[in-house]
């Protein structure tokens, strides 16, 4: 499945035509843990991807964060955390639903559960990682999965 999505960096194609993998980090809502501790960890999970940027680059993976909000609402959050990668605004939840991302209800709204989706260059879902009980390990779990996927297909080219 190919589509152009609204992000904090402007419209971008999903999957990335320039990378072997596209990794979508789904979060409930930036900062929601301050109001609902049981849903906390969004910032931690996204920052784990930021901190692993070099490892994602070595894996030839484009990283995007996804939340059920408008990109404009997410821009300040992304900038304030110096994420270094765009956040996708999936207000109608259509992107997450297309990939089978679990949802949660909070404050009379439907949001995404913490998860990650790994797409190959053709847009095929190669992995759905859920649950992610330890937000600080979100990127680590995805990188482990990318390594297994890469090993099963042979070494990266280039």
C-alpha atoms as a PDB file:
ATOM      1  CA  UNK A   1       0.000   0.000   0.000  1.00  0.00           C
ATOM      2  CA  UNK A   2       1.424   3.351  -1.033  1.00  0.00           C
ATOM      3  CA  UNK A   3       0.096   6.645   0.260  1.00  0.00           C
ATOM      4  CA  UNK A   4       1.186  10.169   0.963  1.00  0.00           C
ATOM      5  CA  UNK A   5       0.730  11.177   4.585  1.00  0.00           C
ATOM      6  CA  UNK A   6       0.687  14.589   6.301  1.00  0.00           C
ATOM      7  CA  UNK A   7       3.695  14.991   8.577  1.00  0.00           C
ATOM      8  CA  UNK A   8       5.420  17.666  10.590  1.00  0.00           C
ATOM      9  CA  UNK A   9       7.879  17.933   7.659  1.00  0.00           C
ATOM     10  CA  UNK A  10       5.158  18.188   5.003  1.00  0.00           C
ATOM     11  CA  UNK A  11       3.617  15.403   2.890  1.00  0.00           C
ATOM     12  CA  UNK A  12       5.742  12.231   2.687  1.00  0.00           C
ATOM     13  CA  UNK A  13       5.297   8.892   0.914  1.00  0.00           C
ATOM     14  CA  UNK A  14       4.710   5.740   2.942  1.00  0.00           C
ATOM     15  CA  UNK A  15       6.586   3.535   2.460  1.00  0.00           C
ATOM     16  CA  UNK A  16       9.734   5.480   1.734  1.00  0.00           C
ATOM     17  CA  UNK A  17      10.921   4.837  -1.827  1.00  0.00           C
ATOM     18  CA  UNK A  18      14.470   5.703  -0.715  1.00  0.00           C
ATOM     19  CA  UNK A  19      14.842   3.179   2.113  1.00  0.00           C
ATOM     20  CA  UNK A  20      14.702  -0.597   2.398  1.00  0.00           C
ATOM     21  CA  UNK A  21      12.420  -0.322   5.440  1.00  0.00           C
ATOM     22  CA  UNK A  22       9.930   2.191   6.771  1.00  0.00           C
ATOM     23  CA  UNK A  23       9.303   2.019  10.501  1.00  0.00           C
ATOM     24  CA  UNK A  24       6.179   3.609  11.918  1.00  0.00           C
ATOM     25  CA  UNK A  25       6.244   4.174  15.678  1.00  0.00           C
ATOM     26  CA  UNK A  26       2.616   4.441  16.792  1.00  0.00           C
ATOM     27  CA  UNK A  27       1.926   6.295  20.038  1.00  0.00           C
ATOM     28  CA  UNK A  28      -1.237   7.227  21.906  1.00  0.00           C
ATOM     29  CA  UNK A  29      -0.629  10.924  22.416  1.00  0.00           C
ATOM     30  CA  UNK A  30       2.448  12.973  23.267  1.00  0.00           C
ATOM     31  CA  UNK A  31       2.326  13.817  26.967  1.00  0.00           C
ATOM     32  CA  UNK A  32      -0.811  11.787  27.760  1.00  0.00           C
ATOM     33  CA  UNK A  33       1.002  10.065  30.626  1.00  0.00           C
ATOM     34  CA  UNK A  34       0.741  13.278  32.642  1.00  0.00           C
ATOM     35  CA  UNK A  35      -3.052  12.871  32.648  1.00  0.00           C
ATOM     36  CA  UNK A  36      -3.374   9.085  32.327  1.00  0.00           C
ATOM     37  CA  UNK A  37      -0.277   7.357  33.748  1.00  0.00           C
ATOM     38  CA  UNK A  38      -1.339   3.951  32.386  1.00  0.00           C
ATOM     39  CA  UNK A  39      -0.846   5.336  28.858  1.00  0.00           C
ATOM     40  CA  UNK A  40       2.441   7.076  29.611  1.00  0.00           C
ATOM     41  CA  UNK A  41       5.646   6.433  27.744  1.00  0.00           C
ATOM     42  CA  UNK A  42       4.947   8.087  24.383  1.00  0.00           C
ATOM     43  CA  UNK A  43       7.767  10.578  24.769  1.00  0.00           C
ATOM     44  CA  UNK A  44      10.130   7.876  26.033  1.00  0.00           C
ATOM     45  CA  UNK A  45       9.328   5.598  23.084  1.00  0.00           C
ATOM     46  CA  UNK A  46       9.777   8.315  20.487  1.00  0.00           C
ATOM     47  CA  UNK A  47      13.006   9.476  22.102  1.00  0.00           C
ATOM     48  CA  UNK A  48      14.317   5.897  22.017  1.00  0.00           C
ATOM     49  CA  UNK A  49      13.952   6.037  18.218  1.00  0.00           C
ATOM     50  CA  UNK A  50      15.705   9.412  18.155  1.00  0.00           C
ATOM     51  CA  UNK A  51      18.568   8.058  20.231  1.00  0.00           C
ATOM     52  CA  UNK A  52      18.941   5.059  17.896  1.00  0.00           C
ATOM     53  CA  UNK A  53      19.023   7.170  14.708  1.00  0.00           C
ATOM     54  CA  UNK A  54      22.434   5.853  13.640  1.00  0.00           C
ATOM     55  CA  UNK A  55      21.299   2.238  14.014  1.00  0.00           C
ATOM     56  CA  UNK A  56      18.176   2.908  11.941  1.00  0.00           C
ATOM     57  CA  UNK A  57      20.329   4.588   9.282  1.00  0.00           C
ATOM     58  CA  UNK A  58      22.629   1.533   9.167  1.00  0.00           C
ATOM     59  CA  UNK A  59      19.544  -0.666   8.725  1.00  0.00           C
ATOM     60  CA  UNK A  60      18.413   1.561   5.814  1.00  0.00           C
ATOM     61  CA  UNK A  61      15.192   2.373   7.670  1.00  0.00           C
ATOM     62  CA  UNK A  62      13.162   5.563   7.544  1.00  0.00           C
ATOM     63  CA  UNK A  63      11.587   6.352  10.904  1.00  0.00           C
ATOM     64  CA  UNK A  64       8.250   8.090  11.334  1.00  0.00           C
ATOM     65  CA  UNK A  65       6.209   8.592  14.484  1.00  0.00           C
ATOM     66  CA  UNK A  66       2.423   8.337  14.179  1.00  0.00           C
ATOM     67  CA  UNK A  67      -0.280   9.809  16.387  1.00  0.00           C
ATOM     68  CA  UNK A  68      -3.995  10.418  15.957  1.00  0.00           C
ATOM     69  CA  UNK A  69      -3.554  14.185  15.816  1.00  0.00           C
ATOM     70  CA  UNK A  70      -3.020  16.939  13.281  1.00  0.00           C
ATOM     71  CA  UNK A  71       0.620  17.401  12.218  1.00  0.00           C
ATOM     72  CA  UNK A  72       0.485  21.030  13.358  1.00  0.00           C
ATOM     73  CA  UNK A  73      -0.317  19.901  16.895  1.00  0.00           C
ATOM     74  CA  UNK A  74       2.603  17.477  16.790  1.00  0.00           C
ATOM     75  CA  UNK A  75       5.186  19.886  15.354  1.00  0.00           C
ATOM     76  CA  UNK A  76       5.953  21.694  18.607  1.00  0.00           C
ATOM     77  CA  UNK A  77       6.294  18.400  20.430  1.00  0.00           C
ATOM     78  CA  UNK A  78       8.693  16.998  17.801  1.00  0.00           C
ATOM     79  CA  UNK A  79      10.760  20.162  17.742  1.00  0.00           C
ATOM     80  CA  UNK A  80      10.933  20.428  21.521  1.00  0.00           C
ATOM     81  CA  UNK A  81      12.294  16.875  21.785  1.00  0.00           C
ATOM     82  CA  UNK A  82      14.652  17.290  18.785  1.00  0.00           C
ATOM     83  CA  UNK A  83      13.346  13.993  17.427  1.00  0.00           C
ATOM     84  CA  UNK A  84      15.109  14.340  14.091  1.00  0.00           C
ATOM     85  CA  UNK A  85      12.346  12.518  12.231  1.00  0.00           C
ATOM     86  CA  UNK A  86       8.821  13.551  11.214  1.00  0.00           C
ATOM     87  CA  UNK A  87       5.601  12.765  13.035  1.00  0.00           C
ATOM     88  CA  UNK A  88       2.586  11.678  10.996  1.00  0.00           C
ATOM     89  CA  UNK A  89      -0.792  13.138  11.857  1.00  0.00           C
ATOM     90  CA  UNK A  90      -3.325  10.316  11.411  1.00  0.00           C
ATOM     91  CA  UNK A  91      -6.376  12.135  12.708  1.00  0.00           C
ATOM     92  CA  UNK A  92      -8.885   9.724  11.190  1.00  0.00           C
ATOM     93  CA  UNK A  93      -6.818   6.669  12.243  1.00  0.00           C
ATOM     94  CA  UNK A  94      -6.884   5.391   8.650  1.00  0.00           C
ATOM     95  CA  UNK A  95      -3.152   4.709   8.363  1.00  0.00           C
ATOM     96  CA  UNK A  96      -2.997   2.769  11.612  1.00  0.00           C
ATOM     97  CA  UNK A  97      -6.162   0.835  10.798  1.00  0.00           C
ATOM     98  CA  UNK A  98      -4.821  -0.105   7.372  1.00  0.00           C
ATOM     99  CA  UNK A  99      -1.859  -1.751   9.119  1.00  0.00           C
ATOM    100  CA  UNK A 100      -3.875  -3.361  11.933  1.00  0.00           C
ATOM    101  CA  UNK A 101      -2.495  -1.224  14.753  1.00  0.00           C
ATOM    102  CA  UNK A 102      -4.390  -1.830  18.013  1.00  0.00           C
ATOM    103  CA  UNK A 103      -6.383   1.051  19.446  1.00  0.00           C
ATOM    104  CA  UNK A 104      -7.275   2.240  22.936  1.00  0.00           C
ATOM    105  CA  UNK A 105     -10.072   4.436  24.286  1.00  0.00           C
ATOM    106  CA  UNK A 106      -9.025   7.347  26.462  1.00  0.00           C
ATOM    107  CA  UNK A 107     -10.854  10.495  27.456  1.00  0.00           C
ATOM    108  CA  UNK A 108     -13.752   9.610  25.108  1.00  0.00           C
ATOM    109  CA  UNK A 109     -11.395   9.356  22.133  1.00  0.00           C
ATOM    110  CA  UNK A 110      -9.924   6.511  20.152  1.00  0.00           C
ATOM    111  CA  UNK A 111      -6.126   6.575  20.019  1.00  0.00           C
ATOM    112  CA  UNK A 112      -3.423   4.147  18.973  1.00  0.00           C
ATOM    113  CA  UNK A 113      -1.885   1.680  21.363  1.00  0.00           C
ATOM    114  CA  UNK A 114       1.908   1.801  21.541  1.00  0.00           C
ATOM    115  CA  UNK A 115       3.110  -0.289  18.604  1.00  0.00           C
ATOM    116  CA  UNK A 116       5.455  -0.296  15.641  1.00  0.00           C
ATOM    117  CA  UNK A 117       4.927  -1.367  12.050  1.00  0.00           C
ATOM    118  CA  UNK A 118       7.774  -2.329   9.747  1.00  0.00           C
ATOM    119  CA  UNK A 119       7.081  -1.965   6.033  1.00  0.00           C
ATOM    120  CA  UNK A 120       9.261  -3.108   3.188  1.00  0.00           C
ATOM    121  CA  UNK A 121       9.869  -0.953   0.133  1.00  0.00           C
ATOM    122  CA  UNK A 122       6.700  -2.293  -1.549  1.00  0.00           C
ATOM    123  CA  UNK A 123       4.504  -1.286   1.403  1.00  0.00           C
ATOM    124  CA  UNK A 124       3.988  -4.818   2.670  1.00  0.00           C
ATOM    125  CA  UNK A 125       3.714  -5.104   6.444  1.00  0.00           C
ATOM    126  CA  UNK A 126       6.660  -7.237   7.494  1.00  0.00           C
ATOM    127  CA  UNK A 127       6.091  -6.897  11.223  1.00  0.00           C
ATOM    128  CA  UNK A 128       3.606  -5.484  13.731  1.00  0.00           C
ATOM    129  CA  UNK A 129       5.263  -5.098  17.115  1.00  0.00           C
ATOM    130  CA  UNK A 130       2.719  -4.962  19.932  1.00  0.00           C
ATOM    131  CA  UNK A 131       2.552  -4.838  22.869  1.00  0.00           C
ATOM    132  CA  UNK A 132       5.509  -2.677  23.828  1.00  0.00           C
ATOM    133  CA  UNK A 133       5.373  -2.868  27.632  1.00  0.00           C
ATOM    134  CA  UNK A 134       8.652  -1.003  28.163  1.00  0.00           C
ATOM    135  CA  UNK A 135       8.603   2.292  26.203  1.00  0.00           C
ATOM    136  CA  UNK A 136      12.338   2.802  26.699  1.00  0.00           C
ATOM    137  CA  UNK A 137      12.912  -0.409  24.684  1.00  0.00           C
ATOM    138  CA  UNK A 138      10.623   0.548  21.779  1.00  0.00           C
ATOM    139  CA  UNK A 139      13.453   1.285  19.338  1.00  0.00           C
ATOM    140  CA  UNK A 140      15.503  -1.672  20.582  1.00  0.00           C
ATOM    141  CA  UNK A 141      12.625  -4.077  19.866  1.00  0.00           C
ATOM    142  CA  UNK A 142      12.201  -2.667  16.369  1.00  0.00           C
ATOM    143  CA  UNK A 143      15.927  -2.856  15.621  1.00  0.00           C
ATOM    144  CA  UNK A 144      15.984  -6.488  16.763  1.00  0.00           C
ATOM    145  CA  UNK A 145      13.099  -7.231  14.401  1.00  0.00           C
ATOM    146  CA  UNK A 146      14.805  -5.388  11.531  1.00  0.00           C
ATOM    147  CA  UNK A 147      17.940  -7.470  12.086  1.00  0.00           C
ATOM    148  CA  UNK A 148      15.919 -10.701  11.905  1.00  0.00           C
ATOM    149  CA  UNK A 149      14.083  -9.541   8.782  1.00  0.00           C
ATOM    150  CA  UNK A 150      17.346  -8.519   7.131  1.00  0.00           C
ATOM    151  CA  UNK A 151      19.026 -11.814   8.091  1.00  0.00           C
ATOM    152  CA  UNK A 152      16.117 -13.786   6.644  1.00  0.00           C
ATOM    153  CA  UNK A 153      16.473 -11.957   3.317  1.00  0.00           C
ATOM    154  CA  UNK A 154      20.258 -11.752   3.133  1.00  0.00           C
ATOM    155  CA  UNK A 155      22.527  -8.837   3.806  1.00  0.00           C
ATOM    156  CA  UNK A 156      21.678  -5.261   2.946  1.00  0.00           C
ATOM    157  CA  UNK A 157      22.781  -4.103  -0.451  1.00  0.00           C
ATOM    158  CA  UNK A 158      24.840  -0.930  -0.891  1.00  0.00           C
END
